[in-house]
Amino acid sequence: MAYWIDPEGRHYSGDRQRRDRAATADEVLAIETPPRVFLKATRRQFMLALFNAGLLDAAEAIAMGHPYRPVKLEWQNATEFWEDSPTLSALLVELHKTDADLHDLMVAASKL
């Protein structure tokens, strides 16, 4: 499918208007790729998922001993955990886990 970009940067398909240009390959990819949906889990779900994965004690120790105080505050007070949280990503890196591992953990948490 052909996409066109108007002078204001909006895209459309169909008949091209004279002042518009063809979308580049990168723009077409961005148009046709749906945005990623990040998962969230309640505190209970996330803690149980960590426990089931054998990661709860290590994650808690890392969070509570972290030199950046907001990590500790978020760990202690969060009511929800979002997959795209920078704090959560940093914590998982210290556990030697990848973004894919985090996604799998969030999927598991959503089932609890």
N, C-alpha and C. Protein backbone atom coordinates (compact mmCIF):
# COMPACT_ATOMS: atom_id res chain seq x y z
N MET A 1 0.84 -1.17 0.00
CA MET A 1 0.00 0.00 0.00
C MET A 1 0.89 1.24 0.00
N ALA A 2 0.51 2.23 -0.76
CA ALA A 2 1.26 3.48 -0.81
C ALA A 2 0.72 4.46 0.23
N TYR A 3 1.64 5.14 0.87
CA TYR A 3 1.28 6.16 1.86
C TYR A 3 1.86 7.49 1.40
N TRP A 4 1.14 8.53 1.73
CA TRP A 4 1.56 9.88 1.39
C TRP A 4 1.66 10.70 2.67
N ILE A 5 2.59 11.65 2.65
CA ILE A 5 2.82 12.52 3.81
C ILE A 5 2.50 13.95 3.38
N ASP A 6 1.60 14.59 4.14
CA ASP A 6 1.26 15.97 3.80
C ASP A 6 2.27 16.92 4.46
N PRO A 7 2.23 18.22 4.11
CA PRO A 7 3.22 19.17 4.64
C PRO A 7 3.23 19.27 6.18
N GLU A 8 2.12 18.91 6.82
CA GLU A 8 2.06 18.96 8.28
C GLU A 8 2.58 17.67 8.92
N GLY A 9 2.99 16.69 8.10
CA GLY A 9 3.55 15.45 8.61
C GLY A 9 2.54 14.34 8.86
N ARG A 10 1.27 14.55 8.48
CA ARG A 10 0.24 13.52 8.64
C ARG A 10 0.31 12.56 7.47
N HIS A 11 0.01 11.30 7.73
CA HIS A 11 0.05 10.31 6.65
C HIS A 11 -1.36 9.88 6.26
N TYR A 12 -1.46 9.40 5.02
CA TYR A 12 -2.73 8.87 4.53
C TYR A 12 -2.44 7.95 3.36
N SER A 13 -3.43 7.17 2.98
CA SER A 13 -3.31 6.34 1.78
C SER A 13 -4.41 6.76 0.81
N GLY A 14 -4.35 6.28 -0.40
CA GLY A 14 -5.35 6.65 -1.38
C GLY A 14 -4.76 7.58 -2.42
N ASP A 15 -5.59 8.46 -2.95
CA ASP A 15 -5.14 9.37 -4.00
C ASP A 15 -4.22 10.44 -3.43
N ARG A 16 -3.10 10.63 -4.11
CA ARG A 16 -2.11 11.61 -3.67
C ARG A 16 -2.56 13.01 -4.02
N GLN A 17 -2.38 13.91 -3.07
CA GLN A 17 -2.62 15.34 -3.32
C GLN A 17 -1.32 15.93 -3.89
N ARG A 18 -1.44 16.94 -4.68
CA ARG A 18 -0.30 17.46 -5.44
C ARG A 18 0.86 17.90 -4.56
N ARG A 19 0.61 18.48 -3.42
CA ARG A 19 1.70 19.02 -2.59
C ARG A 19 2.35 17.99 -1.67
N ASP A 20 1.84 16.77 -1.65
CA ASP A 20 2.31 15.76 -0.71
C ASP A 20 3.40 14.89 -1.32
N ARG A 21 4.15 14.24 -0.48
CA ARG A 21 5.26 13.39 -0.93
C ARG A 21 5.00 11.94 -0.53
N ALA A 22 5.70 11.04 -1.18
CA ALA A 22 5.59 9.62 -0.84
C ALA A 22 6.30 9.38 0.49
N ALA A 23 5.74 8.47 1.29
CA ALA A 23 6.36 8.10 2.56
C ALA A 23 7.63 7.30 2.29
N THR A 24 8.64 7.53 3.12
CA THR A 24 9.87 6.75 3.02
C THR A 24 9.63 5.34 3.58
N ALA A 25 10.57 4.45 3.35
CA ALA A 25 10.44 3.07 3.86
C ALA A 25 10.33 3.06 5.39
N ASP A 26 11.11 3.91 6.06
CA ASP A 26 11.05 3.99 7.52
C ASP A 26 9.69 4.51 7.99
N GLU A 27 9.14 5.47 7.27
CA GLU A 27 7.82 6.00 7.64
C GLU A 27 6.73 4.95 7.43
N VAL A 28 6.83 4.20 6.34
CA VAL A 28 5.85 3.14 6.09
C VAL A 28 5.92 2.10 7.21
N LEU A 29 7.13 1.73 7.59
CA LEU A 29 7.31 0.77 8.68
C LEU A 29 6.67 1.29 9.97
N ALA A 30 6.90 2.56 10.28
CA ALA A 30 6.31 3.16 11.49
C ALA A 30 4.79 3.19 11.41
N ILE A 31 4.25 3.45 10.24
CA ILE A 31 2.80 3.50 10.06
C ILE A 31 2.19 2.11 10.23
N GLU A 32 2.84 1.11 9.66
CA GLU A 32 2.27 -0.24 9.63
C GLU A 32 2.60 -1.08 10.87
N THR A 33 3.52 -0.62 11.70
CA THR A 33 3.87 -1.35 12.91
C THR A 33 3.04 -0.81 14.07
N PRO A 34 2.21 -1.66 14.67
CA PRO A 34 1.41 -1.16 15.78
C PRO A 34 2.30 -0.81 16.97
N PRO A 35 1.89 0.16 17.77
CA PRO A 35 2.70 0.52 18.93
C PRO A 35 2.76 -0.64 19.93
N ARG A 36 3.87 -0.77 20.60
CA ARG A 36 4.02 -1.84 21.58
C ARG A 36 3.17 -1.52 22.80
N VAL A 37 2.51 -2.52 23.29
CA VAL A 37 1.70 -2.37 24.50
C VAL A 37 2.50 -2.94 25.66
N PHE A 38 2.76 -2.10 26.66
CA PHE A 38 3.50 -2.55 27.82
C PHE A 38 2.54 -3.08 28.86
N LEU A 39 2.91 -4.19 29.47
CA LEU A 39 2.06 -4.84 30.45
C LEU A 39 2.26 -4.22 31.83
N LYS A 40 1.24 -4.36 32.67
CA LYS A 40 1.38 -3.93 34.06
C LYS A 40 0.87 -5.06 34.94
N ALA A 41 1.35 -5.07 36.16
CA ALA A 41 0.92 -6.06 37.14
C ALA A 41 0.71 -5.37 38.47
N THR A 42 -0.21 -5.89 39.24
CA THR A 42 -0.37 -5.35 40.59
C THR A 42 0.85 -5.78 41.41
N ARG A 43 1.03 -5.15 42.54
CA ARG A 43 2.13 -5.50 43.42
C ARG A 43 2.08 -6.99 43.77
N ARG A 44 0.89 -7.47 44.13
CA ARG A 44 0.70 -8.87 44.49
C ARG A 44 1.11 -9.80 43.34
N GLN A 45 0.62 -9.50 42.14
CA GLN A 45 0.94 -10.33 40.98
C GLN A 45 2.44 -10.36 40.71
N PHE A 46 3.05 -9.17 40.76
CA PHE A 46 4.47 -9.09 40.43
C PHE A 46 5.33 -9.80 41.47
N MET A 47 5.01 -9.63 42.75
CA MET A 47 5.78 -10.30 43.80
C MET A 47 5.64 -11.82 43.70
N LEU A 48 4.43 -12.30 43.42
CA LEU A 48 4.23 -13.74 43.26
C LEU A 48 4.97 -14.27 42.03
N ALA A 49 4.98 -13.50 40.95
CA ALA A 49 5.71 -13.92 39.75
C ALA A 49 7.21 -14.00 40.03
N LEU A 50 7.74 -13.02 40.75
CA LEU A 50 9.15 -13.07 41.13
C LEU A 50 9.43 -14.28 42.02
N PHE A 51 8.54 -14.52 42.98
CA PHE A 51 8.69 -15.67 43.87
C PHE A 51 8.69 -16.97 43.07
N ASN A 52 7.73 -17.12 42.17
CA ASN A 52 7.63 -18.33 41.36
C ASN A 52 8.85 -18.54 40.47
N ALA A 53 9.47 -17.44 40.06
CA ALA A 53 10.67 -17.52 39.21
C ALA A 53 11.95 -17.68 40.03
N GLY A 54 11.82 -17.68 41.36
CA GLY A 54 12.98 -17.80 42.22
C GLY A 54 13.81 -16.53 42.31
N LEU A 55 13.19 -15.38 42.02
CA LEU A 55 13.92 -14.11 41.97
C LEU A 55 13.55 -13.13 43.08
N LEU A 56 12.55 -13.44 43.88
CA LEU A 56 12.04 -12.47 44.84
C LEU A 56 13.10 -12.04 45.85
N ASP A 57 13.78 -12.97 46.49
CA ASP A 57 14.76 -12.61 47.52
C ASP A 57 15.90 -11.77 46.93
N ALA A 58 16.39 -12.17 45.77
CA ALA A 58 17.48 -11.41 45.15
C ALA A 58 17.02 -10.02 44.72
N ALA A 59 15.83 -9.93 44.14
CA ALA A 59 15.31 -8.63 43.71
C ALA A 59 15.10 -7.71 44.91
N GLU A 60 14.56 -8.25 45.97
CA GLU A 60 14.33 -7.45 47.17
C GLU A 60 15.65 -6.96 47.76
N ALA A 61 16.64 -7.82 47.82
CA ALA A 61 17.94 -7.43 48.35
C ALA A 61 18.58 -6.32 47.50
N ILE A 62 18.48 -6.46 46.19
CA ILE A 62 19.04 -5.43 45.31
C ILE A 62 18.31 -4.11 45.48
N ALA A 63 16.98 -4.16 45.49
CA ALA A 63 16.19 -2.93 45.62
C ALA A 63 16.43 -2.23 46.95
N MET A 64 16.44 -2.99 48.02
CA MET A 64 16.58 -2.38 49.34
C MET A 64 18.00 -1.87 49.59
N GLY A 65 18.98 -2.43 48.92
CA GLY A 65 20.35 -1.98 49.10
C GLY A 65 20.84 -1.05 48.01
N HIS A 66 19.93 -0.66 47.11
CA HIS A 66 20.34 0.17 45.97
C HIS A 66 20.77 1.55 46.44
N PRO A 67 21.87 2.09 45.89
CA PRO A 67 22.34 3.41 46.33
C PRO A 67 21.44 4.57 45.88
N TYR A 68 20.63 4.37 44.86
CA TYR A 68 19.73 5.42 44.38
C TYR A 68 18.40 5.25 45.11
N ARG A 69 18.15 6.13 46.07
CA ARG A 69 17.02 5.98 46.99
C ARG A 69 15.65 5.80 46.31
N PRO A 70 15.37 6.46 45.19
CA PRO A 70 14.07 6.25 44.53
C PRO A 70 13.80 4.78 44.17
N VAL A 71 14.84 4.00 43.93
CA VAL A 71 14.63 2.57 43.63
C VAL A 71 14.02 1.90 44.86
N LYS A 72 14.58 2.17 46.02
CA LYS A 72 14.05 1.61 47.27
C LYS A 72 12.63 2.10 47.53
N LEU A 73 12.39 3.38 47.33
CA LEU A 73 11.06 3.95 47.56
C LEU A 73 10.03 3.33 46.63
N GLU A 74 10.39 3.17 45.36
CA GLU A 74 9.46 2.58 44.41
C GLU A 74 9.19 1.12 44.78
N TRP A 75 10.23 0.39 45.14
CA TRP A 75 10.06 -1.01 45.51
C TRP A 75 9.12 -1.15 46.71
N GLN A 76 9.29 -0.28 47.69
CA GLN A 76 8.49 -0.37 48.91
C GLN A 76 7.05 0.12 48.72
N ASN A 77 6.83 1.06 47.82
CA ASN A 77 5.55 1.75 47.78
C ASN A 77 4.71 1.57 46.51
N ALA A 78 5.28 0.97 45.50
CA ALA A 78 4.53 0.82 44.24
C ALA A 78 3.32 -0.09 44.44
N THR A 79 2.20 0.31 43.87
CA THR A 79 1.01 -0.54 43.89
C THR A 79 0.86 -1.28 42.56
N GLU A 80 1.57 -0.79 41.53
CA GLU A 80 1.60 -1.43 40.22
C GLU A 80 3.02 -1.41 39.70
N PHE A 81 3.35 -2.39 38.90
CA PHE A 81 4.65 -2.44 38.23
C PHE A 81 4.38 -2.49 36.73
N TRP A 82 5.00 -1.55 35.99
CA TRP A 82 4.85 -1.46 34.54
C TRP A 82 6.08 -2.01 33.86
N GLU A 83 5.86 -2.71 32.77
CA GLU A 83 6.95 -3.34 32.03
C GLU A 83 7.97 -2.32 31.51
N ASP A 84 7.53 -1.10 31.22
CA ASP A 84 8.45 -0.10 30.68
C ASP A 84 9.07 0.80 31.75
N SER A 85 8.97 0.42 33.00
CA SER A 85 9.56 1.20 34.10
C SER A 85 11.08 1.16 34.03
N PRO A 86 11.73 2.32 33.98
CA PRO A 86 13.21 2.33 33.97
C PRO A 86 13.78 1.71 35.25
N THR A 87 13.13 1.94 36.37
CA THR A 87 13.60 1.37 37.63
C THR A 87 13.54 -0.15 37.58
N LEU A 88 12.44 -0.67 37.08
CA LEU A 88 12.27 -2.12 36.98
C LEU A 88 13.28 -2.71 36.00
N SER A 89 13.51 -2.04 34.90
CA SER A 89 14.50 -2.51 33.92
C SER A 89 15.89 -2.55 34.54
N ALA A 90 16.24 -1.51 35.29
CA ALA A 90 17.56 -1.47 35.94
C ALA A 90 17.70 -2.60 36.96
N LEU A 91 16.64 -2.86 37.69
CA LEU A 91 16.66 -3.94 38.68
C LEU A 91 16.87 -5.30 38.00
N LEU A 92 16.17 -5.51 36.88
CA LEU A 92 16.30 -6.78 36.16
C LEU A 92 17.69 -6.95 35.54
N VAL A 93 18.29 -5.83 35.13
CA VAL A 93 19.66 -5.90 34.60
C VAL A 93 20.60 -6.40 35.69
N GLU A 94 20.41 -5.91 36.91
CA GLU A 94 21.26 -6.34 38.02
C GLU A 94 21.01 -7.81 38.38
N LEU A 95 19.85 -8.33 37.98
CA LEU A 95 19.56 -9.75 38.16
C LEU A 95 20.01 -10.58 36.96
N HIS A 96 20.69 -9.91 36.01
CA HIS A 96 21.18 -10.54 34.78
C HIS A 96 20.03 -11.08 33.93
N LYS A 97 18.94 -10.30 33.84
CA LYS A 97 17.78 -10.67 33.04
C LYS A 97 17.62 -9.67 31.91
N THR A 98 17.00 -10.12 30.82
CA THR A 98 16.81 -9.29 29.63
C THR A 98 15.41 -8.70 29.61
N ASP A 99 15.17 -7.83 28.63
CA ASP A 99 13.81 -7.29 28.43
C ASP A 99 12.83 -8.41 28.11
N ALA A 100 13.29 -9.42 27.38
CA ALA A 100 12.43 -10.57 27.08
C ALA A 100 12.07 -11.33 28.35
N ASP A 101 13.05 -11.46 29.26
CA ASP A 101 12.77 -12.11 30.55
C ASP A 101 11.75 -11.31 31.34
N LEU A 102 11.89 -9.99 31.31
CA LEU A 102 10.93 -9.13 32.01
C LEU A 102 9.54 -9.29 31.41
N HIS A 103 9.46 -9.34 30.09
CA HIS A 103 8.16 -9.52 29.45
C HIS A 103 7.54 -10.86 29.87
N ASP A 104 8.34 -11.90 29.87
CA ASP A 104 7.83 -13.21 30.30
C ASP A 104 7.36 -13.17 31.75
N LEU A 105 8.08 -12.46 32.57
CA LEU A 105 7.69 -12.32 33.98
C LEU A 105 6.36 -11.57 34.10
N MET A 106 6.19 -10.53 33.29
CA MET A 106 4.93 -9.76 33.33
C MET A 106 3.77 -10.60 32.81
N VAL A 107 4.01 -11.41 31.80
CA VAL A 107 2.96 -12.30 31.30
C VAL A 107 2.56 -13.29 32.39
N ALA A 108 3.57 -13.86 33.05
CA ALA A 108 3.29 -14.80 34.14
C ALA A 108 2.52 -14.10 35.27
N ALA A 109 2.91 -12.87 35.58
CA ALA A 109 2.23 -12.12 36.64
C ALA A 109 0.77 -11.86 36.27
N SER A 110 0.51 -11.61 35.01
CA SER A 110 -0.87 -11.30 34.59
C SER A 110 -1.80 -12.50 34.75
N LYS A 111 -1.24 -13.68 34.89
CA LYS A 111 -2.04 -14.89 35.03
C LYS A 111 -2.30 -15.25 36.48
N LEU A 112 -1.74 -14.49 37.41
CA LEU A 112 -1.89 -14.80 38.83
C LEU A 112 -3.05 -14.03 39.45
